């Protein structure tokens, strides 16, 4: 069985996304990711993004390169990258959670860890924390 390549990165929006802009972005992202066999999850808070992309290495790297050229955000930082035996988000062309939304505090098992700022500086010393944060939301999404 072929291993799955993944990249987890953080970035910052030039301007905070509105709820409508996030919905449009997700609609487009989900369609594109499905076409390229990419799955993952995106967390958004206060203009900061934490995202995991997983799939075949050439497609994930090409998508990340395209994301880095998107003028809507900057300060891209790869936090984790590597291979795994299976996808962590196999059923999601792109799972999403807006950490600014009130229902986040209602998430089962909510803790302040779920409110971690989504900047590279927050994860630089312990990059696996970003993976833990993403997986916590995966576990508690409905």
N, C-alpha and C. Protein backbone atom coordinates (compact mmCIF):
# COMPACT_ATOMS: atom_id res chain seq x y z
N UNK A 1 0.84 -1.19 0.00
CA UNK A 1 0.00 0.00 0.00
C UNK A 1 0.88 1.25 0.00
N UNK A 2 0.53 2.22 -0.84
CA UNK A 2 1.29 3.45 -0.94
C UNK A 2 1.00 4.37 0.24
N UNK A 3 2.04 4.97 0.78
CA UNK A 3 1.86 5.90 1.89
C UNK A 3 1.25 7.21 1.39
N UNK A 4 0.58 7.89 2.31
CA UNK A 4 -0.08 9.16 2.03
C UNK A 4 0.84 10.29 2.48
N UNK A 5 1.02 11.26 1.60
CA UNK A 5 1.82 12.43 1.93
C UNK A 5 0.92 13.49 2.57
N UNK A 6 1.45 14.22 3.55
CA UNK A 6 0.66 15.29 4.17
C UNK A 6 1.54 16.51 4.43
N UNK A 7 0.90 17.65 4.41
CA UNK A 7 1.52 18.92 4.79
C UNK A 7 0.55 19.63 5.72
N UNK A 8 1.06 20.12 6.84
CA UNK A 8 0.29 20.97 7.74
C UNK A 8 0.98 22.33 7.74
N UNK A 9 0.21 23.37 7.43
CA UNK A 9 0.81 24.70 7.38
C UNK A 9 -0.10 25.71 8.08
N UNK A 10 0.50 26.83 8.42
CA UNK A 10 -0.24 27.96 8.96
C UNK A 10 0.01 29.16 8.06
N UNK A 11 -0.96 30.06 8.00
CA UNK A 11 -0.80 31.32 7.26
C UNK A 11 -1.73 32.37 7.87
N UNK A 12 -1.56 33.60 7.41
CA UNK A 12 -2.40 34.70 7.90
C UNK A 12 -3.08 35.38 6.73
N UNK A 13 -4.33 35.73 6.92
CA UNK A 13 -5.09 36.44 5.89
C UNK A 13 -4.64 37.91 5.84
N UNK A 14 -4.58 38.47 4.64
CA UNK A 14 -4.28 39.88 4.48
C UNK A 14 -5.37 40.70 5.16
N UNK A 15 -6.62 40.29 4.96
CA UNK A 15 -7.78 40.85 5.66
C UNK A 15 -8.62 39.68 6.14
N UNK A 16 -9.24 39.83 7.29
CA UNK A 16 -10.06 38.73 7.81
C UNK A 16 -11.17 38.40 6.82
N UNK A 17 -11.43 37.11 6.67
CA UNK A 17 -12.50 36.64 5.78
C UNK A 17 -13.85 36.86 6.46
N UNK A 18 -14.84 37.24 5.67
CA UNK A 18 -16.21 37.28 6.18
C UNK A 18 -16.74 35.85 6.14
N UNK A 19 -17.87 35.62 6.78
CA UNK A 19 -18.48 34.29 6.75
C UNK A 19 -18.80 33.87 5.32
N UNK A 20 -19.28 34.81 4.51
CA UNK A 20 -19.61 34.51 3.11
C UNK A 20 -18.35 34.17 2.31
N UNK A 21 -17.28 34.91 2.53
CA UNK A 21 -16.02 34.62 1.83
C UNK A 21 -15.49 33.25 2.21
N UNK A 22 -15.62 32.89 3.48
CA UNK A 22 -15.19 31.55 3.90
C UNK A 22 -16.03 30.47 3.23
N UNK A 23 -17.34 30.68 3.14
CA UNK A 23 -18.21 29.69 2.47
C UNK A 23 -17.82 29.52 1.00
N UNK A 24 -17.57 30.62 0.32
CA UNK A 24 -17.16 30.55 -1.10
C UNK A 24 -15.82 29.83 -1.24
N UNK A 25 -14.88 30.18 -0.37
CA UNK A 25 -13.56 29.54 -0.40
C UNK A 25 -13.69 28.03 -0.19
N UNK A 26 -14.49 27.63 0.76
CA UNK A 26 -14.66 26.21 1.04
C UNK A 26 -15.34 25.48 -0.11
N UNK A 27 -16.34 26.09 -0.72
CA UNK A 27 -17.02 25.46 -1.85
C UNK A 27 -16.01 25.19 -2.98
N UNK A 28 -15.22 26.19 -3.31
CA UNK A 28 -14.21 26.05 -4.36
C UNK A 28 -13.15 25.02 -3.96
N UNK A 29 -12.68 25.09 -2.72
CA UNK A 29 -11.65 24.18 -2.23
C UNK A 29 -12.12 22.73 -2.27
N UNK A 30 -13.33 22.50 -1.83
CA UNK A 30 -13.84 21.13 -1.79
C UNK A 30 -13.95 20.54 -3.19
N UNK A 31 -14.40 21.33 -4.16
CA UNK A 31 -14.49 20.84 -5.54
C UNK A 31 -13.11 20.51 -6.09
N UNK A 32 -12.18 21.44 -5.93
CA UNK A 32 -10.83 21.24 -6.45
C UNK A 32 -10.14 20.05 -5.78
N UNK A 33 -10.25 19.96 -4.47
CA UNK A 33 -9.58 18.88 -3.74
C UNK A 33 -10.13 17.52 -4.17
N UNK A 34 -11.43 17.42 -4.34
CA UNK A 34 -12.03 16.15 -4.77
C UNK A 34 -11.49 15.74 -6.13
N UNK A 35 -11.31 16.71 -7.03
CA UNK A 35 -10.78 16.40 -8.36
C UNK A 35 -9.34 15.88 -8.32
N UNK A 36 -8.57 16.29 -7.32
CA UNK A 36 -7.16 15.91 -7.23
C UNK A 36 -6.88 14.85 -6.17
N UNK A 37 -7.93 14.31 -5.55
CA UNK A 37 -7.73 13.27 -4.55
C UNK A 37 -7.10 13.78 -3.26
N UNK A 38 -7.33 15.05 -2.95
CA UNK A 38 -6.77 15.64 -1.74
C UNK A 38 -7.86 15.74 -0.68
N UNK A 39 -7.52 15.35 0.53
CA UNK A 39 -8.42 15.50 1.67
C UNK A 39 -7.71 16.35 2.72
N UNK A 40 -8.46 16.76 3.75
CA UNK A 40 -7.83 17.55 4.79
C UNK A 40 -8.82 18.29 5.64
N UNK A 41 -8.28 19.28 6.36
CA UNK A 41 -9.10 20.08 7.25
C UNK A 41 -8.49 21.46 7.36
N UNK A 42 -9.36 22.47 7.54
CA UNK A 42 -8.92 23.85 7.68
C UNK A 42 -9.55 24.42 8.94
N UNK A 43 -8.73 25.02 9.78
CA UNK A 43 -9.21 25.76 10.95
C UNK A 43 -8.94 27.23 10.70
N UNK A 44 -9.90 28.09 11.06
CA UNK A 44 -9.77 29.52 10.84
C UNK A 44 -10.10 30.26 12.12
N UNK A 45 -9.24 31.23 12.49
CA UNK A 45 -9.50 32.05 13.68
C UNK A 45 -8.80 33.39 13.53
N UNK A 46 -9.57 34.46 13.68
CA UNK A 46 -9.01 35.81 13.70
C UNK A 46 -8.05 36.09 12.54
N UNK A 47 -8.39 35.61 11.36
CA UNK A 47 -7.56 35.86 10.19
C UNK A 47 -6.39 34.90 10.03
N UNK A 48 -6.28 33.93 10.92
CA UNK A 48 -5.21 32.94 10.83
C UNK A 48 -5.77 31.59 10.40
N UNK A 49 -4.97 30.88 9.63
CA UNK A 49 -5.39 29.60 9.05
C UNK A 49 -4.40 28.52 9.46
N UNK A 50 -4.94 27.37 9.82
CA UNK A 50 -4.16 26.15 10.04
C UNK A 50 -4.82 25.10 9.18
N UNK A 51 -4.05 24.49 8.29
CA UNK A 51 -4.64 23.54 7.35
C UNK A 51 -3.75 22.33 7.17
N UNK A 52 -4.38 21.18 7.03
CA UNK A 52 -3.68 19.95 6.65
C UNK A 52 -4.20 19.54 5.27
N UNK A 53 -3.26 19.18 4.41
CA UNK A 53 -3.57 18.66 3.08
C UNK A 53 -2.96 17.27 3.00
N UNK A 54 -3.70 16.30 2.47
CA UNK A 54 -3.15 14.96 2.36
C UNK A 54 -3.57 14.31 1.05
N UNK A 55 -2.67 13.53 0.49
CA UNK A 55 -2.92 12.87 -0.78
C UNK A 55 -1.61 12.46 -1.41
N UNK A 56 -1.59 12.33 -2.73
CA UNK A 56 -0.35 12.00 -3.43
C UNK A 56 0.60 13.20 -3.33
N UNK A 57 1.87 12.93 -3.10
CA UNK A 57 2.83 14.01 -2.87
C UNK A 57 2.85 15.07 -3.98
N UNK A 58 2.88 14.69 -5.27
CA UNK A 58 2.92 15.74 -6.30
C UNK A 58 1.71 16.67 -6.25
N UNK A 59 0.53 16.12 -6.01
CA UNK A 59 -0.68 16.95 -5.95
C UNK A 59 -0.70 17.85 -4.72
N UNK A 60 -0.28 17.31 -3.57
CA UNK A 60 -0.27 18.12 -2.35
C UNK A 60 0.75 19.25 -2.48
N UNK A 61 1.93 18.94 -2.99
CA UNK A 61 2.96 19.99 -3.15
C UNK A 61 2.53 21.04 -4.17
N UNK A 62 1.89 20.61 -5.26
CA UNK A 62 1.42 21.57 -6.26
C UNK A 62 0.35 22.47 -5.67
N UNK A 63 -0.57 21.91 -4.89
CA UNK A 63 -1.62 22.71 -4.27
C UNK A 63 -1.02 23.69 -3.27
N UNK A 64 -0.10 23.22 -2.44
CA UNK A 64 0.51 24.12 -1.46
C UNK A 64 1.25 25.27 -2.16
N UNK A 65 1.92 24.97 -3.25
CA UNK A 65 2.61 26.01 -4.02
C UNK A 65 1.60 27.04 -4.54
N UNK A 66 0.46 26.56 -5.01
CA UNK A 66 -0.60 27.46 -5.49
C UNK A 66 -1.15 28.32 -4.34
N UNK A 67 -1.35 27.71 -3.19
CA UNK A 67 -1.84 28.42 -2.00
C UNK A 67 -0.86 29.54 -1.63
N UNK A 68 0.43 29.25 -1.70
CA UNK A 68 1.44 30.25 -1.34
C UNK A 68 1.42 31.46 -2.27
N UNK A 69 0.88 31.29 -3.46
CA UNK A 69 0.80 32.40 -4.42
C UNK A 69 -0.52 33.17 -4.31
N UNK A 70 -1.44 32.69 -3.49
CA UNK A 70 -2.74 33.33 -3.34
C UNK A 70 -2.55 34.66 -2.60
N UNK A 71 -2.95 35.77 -3.19
CA UNK A 71 -2.72 37.07 -2.56
C UNK A 71 -3.60 37.34 -1.34
N UNK A 72 -4.54 36.47 -1.03
CA UNK A 72 -5.42 36.69 0.11
C UNK A 72 -4.75 36.37 1.45
N UNK A 73 -3.63 35.64 1.41
CA UNK A 73 -2.93 35.38 2.67
C UNK A 73 -1.44 35.31 2.47
N UNK A 74 -0.71 35.37 3.59
CA UNK A 74 0.75 35.48 3.57
C UNK A 74 1.33 34.75 4.77
N UNK A 75 2.64 34.83 4.91
CA UNK A 75 3.36 34.25 6.05
C UNK A 75 3.08 32.76 6.18
N UNK A 76 3.19 32.05 5.08
CA UNK A 76 2.97 30.60 5.07
C UNK A 76 4.13 29.90 5.78
N UNK A 77 3.79 29.02 6.69
CA UNK A 77 4.79 28.28 7.44
C UNK A 77 4.41 26.80 7.45
N UNK A 78 5.26 25.96 6.88
CA UNK A 78 5.03 24.52 6.96
C UNK A 78 5.40 24.08 8.37
N UNK A 79 4.45 23.48 9.07
CA UNK A 79 4.66 23.06 10.45
C UNK A 79 5.02 21.59 10.54
N UNK A 80 4.39 20.79 9.71
CA UNK A 80 4.65 19.35 9.66
C UNK A 80 4.52 18.90 8.23
N UNK A 81 5.32 17.91 7.86
CA UNK A 81 5.24 17.37 6.52
C UNK A 81 5.80 15.96 6.59
N UNK A 82 5.18 15.04 5.87
CA UNK A 82 5.70 13.69 5.89
C UNK A 82 4.73 12.70 5.28
N UNK A 83 4.88 11.46 5.68
CA UNK A 83 4.07 10.36 5.16
C UNK A 83 3.36 9.66 6.31
N UNK A 84 2.22 9.14 6.01
CA UNK A 84 1.45 8.37 6.98
C UNK A 84 0.86 7.15 6.28
N UNK A 85 0.53 6.14 7.04
CA UNK A 85 -0.01 4.90 6.48
C UNK A 85 -1.40 5.08 5.88
N UNK A 86 -2.17 5.97 6.49
CA UNK A 86 -3.54 6.21 6.00
C UNK A 86 -3.92 7.66 6.22
N UNK A 87 -4.93 8.08 5.49
CA UNK A 87 -5.41 9.45 5.62
C UNK A 87 -6.01 9.69 7.01
N UNK A 88 -5.77 10.87 7.55
CA UNK A 88 -6.38 11.25 8.81
C UNK A 88 -7.79 11.81 8.59
N UNK A 89 -8.05 12.31 7.38
CA UNK A 89 -9.33 12.94 7.04
C UNK A 89 -9.88 12.32 5.75
N UNK A 90 -10.08 11.02 5.73
CA UNK A 90 -10.42 10.33 4.47
C UNK A 90 -11.76 10.71 3.86
N UNK A 91 -12.70 11.16 4.66
CA UNK A 91 -14.04 11.43 4.16
C UNK A 91 -14.28 12.91 3.86
N UNK A 92 -13.27 13.73 4.00
CA UNK A 92 -13.46 15.16 3.84
C UNK A 92 -12.57 15.71 2.73
N UNK A 93 -13.20 16.26 1.68
CA UNK A 93 -12.41 16.96 0.68
C UNK A 93 -11.82 18.22 1.34
N UNK A 94 -12.50 18.72 2.38
CA UNK A 94 -11.94 19.76 3.23
C UNK A 94 -12.88 20.00 4.40
N UNK A 95 -12.54 19.40 5.55
CA UNK A 95 -13.29 19.70 6.76
C UNK A 95 -12.99 21.14 7.17
N UNK A 96 -13.89 21.76 7.89
CA UNK A 96 -13.69 23.16 8.24
C UNK A 96 -14.29 23.48 9.59
N UNK A 97 -13.62 24.37 10.31
CA UNK A 97 -14.16 24.90 11.55
C UNK A 97 -13.70 26.34 11.68
N UNK A 98 -14.65 27.24 11.88
CA UNK A 98 -14.34 28.64 12.16
C UNK A 98 -14.25 28.76 13.68
N UNK A 99 -13.05 28.93 14.19
CA UNK A 99 -12.85 28.95 15.64
C UNK A 99 -13.37 30.22 16.29
N UNK A 100 -13.84 31.16 15.48
CA UNK A 100 -14.48 32.36 16.03
C UNK A 100 -15.95 32.12 16.34
N UNK A 101 -16.51 31.02 15.85
CA UNK A 101 -17.95 30.81 16.00
C UNK A 101 -18.30 30.39 17.44
N UNK A 102 -19.47 30.83 17.91
CA UNK A 102 -19.87 30.53 19.29
C UNK A 102 -20.01 29.03 19.57
N UNK A 103 -20.37 28.23 18.56
CA UNK A 103 -20.57 26.80 18.83
C UNK A 103 -19.28 26.07 19.17
N UNK A 104 -18.12 26.68 18.85
CA UNK A 104 -16.85 26.02 19.18
C UNK A 104 -16.74 25.79 20.68
N UNK A 105 -17.15 26.77 21.48
CA UNK A 105 -17.07 26.61 22.93
C UNK A 105 -18.07 25.56 23.43
N UNK A 106 -19.00 25.15 22.59
CA UNK A 106 -19.97 24.12 22.95
C UNK A 106 -19.49 22.72 22.51
N UNK A 107 -18.32 22.67 21.85
CA UNK A 107 -17.79 21.40 21.38
C UNK A 107 -17.54 20.48 22.56
N UNK A 108 -18.00 19.22 22.48
CA UNK A 108 -17.73 18.28 23.58
C UNK A 108 -16.23 18.22 23.86
N UNK A 109 -15.88 18.31 25.12
CA UNK A 109 -14.47 18.26 25.51
C UNK A 109 -13.74 19.57 25.27
N UNK A 110 -14.48 20.67 25.07
CA UNK A 110 -13.84 21.97 24.82
C UNK A 110 -12.85 22.30 25.92
N UNK A 111 -11.71 22.81 25.51
CA UNK A 111 -10.73 23.33 26.46
C UNK A 111 -10.08 24.54 25.80
N UNK A 112 -9.35 25.31 26.56
CA UNK A 112 -8.67 26.47 25.99
C UNK A 112 -7.67 26.06 24.91
N UNK A 113 -7.21 24.80 24.94
CA UNK A 113 -6.32 24.32 23.89
C UNK A 113 -6.99 24.48 22.52
N UNK A 114 -8.31 24.33 22.48
CA UNK A 114 -9.03 24.47 21.22
C UNK A 114 -9.06 25.93 20.75
N UNK A 115 -8.62 26.84 21.59
CA UNK A 115 -8.57 28.25 21.24
C UNK A 115 -7.14 28.71 20.96
N UNK A 116 -6.24 27.77 20.72
CA UNK A 116 -4.85 28.09 20.43
C UNK A 116 -4.77 29.03 19.23
N UNK A 117 -4.02 30.12 19.34
CA UNK A 117 -3.84 30.98 18.16
C UNK A 117 -3.22 30.18 17.02
N UNK A 118 -3.67 30.42 15.80
CA UNK A 118 -3.22 29.63 14.66
C UNK A 118 -2.07 30.32 13.94
N UNK A 119 -0.98 30.53 14.63
CA UNK A 119 0.19 31.14 14.00
C UNK A 119 1.36 30.18 14.10
N UNK A 120 2.28 30.32 13.17
CA UNK A 120 3.46 29.47 13.18
C UNK A 120 4.23 29.57 14.48
N UNK A 121 4.25 30.76 15.07
CA UNK A 121 4.98 30.95 16.33
C UNK A 121 4.42 30.07 17.44
N UNK A 122 3.11 29.84 17.42
CA UNK A 122 2.48 29.02 18.47
C UNK A 122 2.90 27.56 18.39
N UNK A 123 3.29 27.12 17.19
CA UNK A 123 3.59 25.71 16.99
C UNK A 123 5.06 25.42 16.70
N UNK A 124 5.88 26.46 16.60
CA UNK A 124 7.27 26.28 16.18
C UNK A 124 8.04 25.30 17.07
N UNK A 125 7.90 25.40 18.37
CA UNK A 125 8.64 24.53 19.27
C UNK A 125 8.04 23.14 19.40
N UNK A 126 6.74 23.02 19.15
CA UNK A 126 6.03 21.75 19.28
C UNK A 126 5.07 21.57 18.11
N UNK A 127 5.59 21.29 16.90
CA UNK A 127 4.72 21.23 15.72
C UNK A 127 3.64 20.16 15.77
N UNK A 128 3.82 19.12 16.56
CA UNK A 128 2.78 18.10 16.63
C UNK A 128 1.53 18.61 17.34
N UNK A 129 1.62 19.74 18.04
CA UNK A 129 0.44 20.34 18.66
C UNK A 129 -0.59 20.73 17.61
N UNK A 130 -0.11 21.16 16.42
CA UNK A 130 -1.05 21.55 15.37
C UNK A 130 -1.82 20.32 14.89
N UNK A 131 -1.16 19.19 14.79
CA UNK A 131 -1.84 17.97 14.39
C UNK A 131 -2.84 17.55 15.46
N UNK A 132 -2.46 17.68 16.70
CA UNK A 132 -3.37 17.34 17.80
C UNK A 132 -4.61 18.22 17.77
N UNK A 133 -4.43 19.52 17.48
CA UNK A 133 -5.56 20.43 17.40
C UNK A 133 -6.50 20.04 16.26
N UNK A 134 -5.96 19.75 15.09
CA UNK A 134 -6.78 19.33 13.96
C UNK A 134 -7.53 18.04 14.26
N UNK A 135 -6.86 17.08 14.85
CA UNK A 135 -7.50 15.80 15.15
C UNK A 135 -8.57 15.93 16.23
N UNK A 136 -8.38 16.86 17.17
CA UNK A 136 -9.42 17.10 18.17
C UNK A 136 -10.70 17.56 17.52
N UNK A 137 -10.58 18.46 16.55
CA UNK A 137 -11.78 18.91 15.84
C UNK A 137 -12.38 17.81 14.97
N UNK A 138 -11.53 16.99 14.37
CA UNK A 138 -12.05 15.88 13.58
C UNK A 138 -12.93 14.97 14.46
N UNK A 139 -12.42 14.67 15.62
CA UNK A 139 -13.11 13.76 16.54
C UNK A 139 -14.46 14.33 16.99
N UNK A 140 -14.52 15.65 17.13
CA UNK A 140 -15.73 16.27 17.69
C UNK A 140 -16.65 16.91 16.66
N UNK A 141 -16.32 16.79 15.38
CA UNK A 141 -17.20 17.37 14.37
C UNK A 141 -18.41 16.46 14.16
N UNK A 142 -19.51 17.09 13.83
CA UNK A 142 -20.73 16.31 13.60
C UNK A 142 -21.09 16.36 12.15
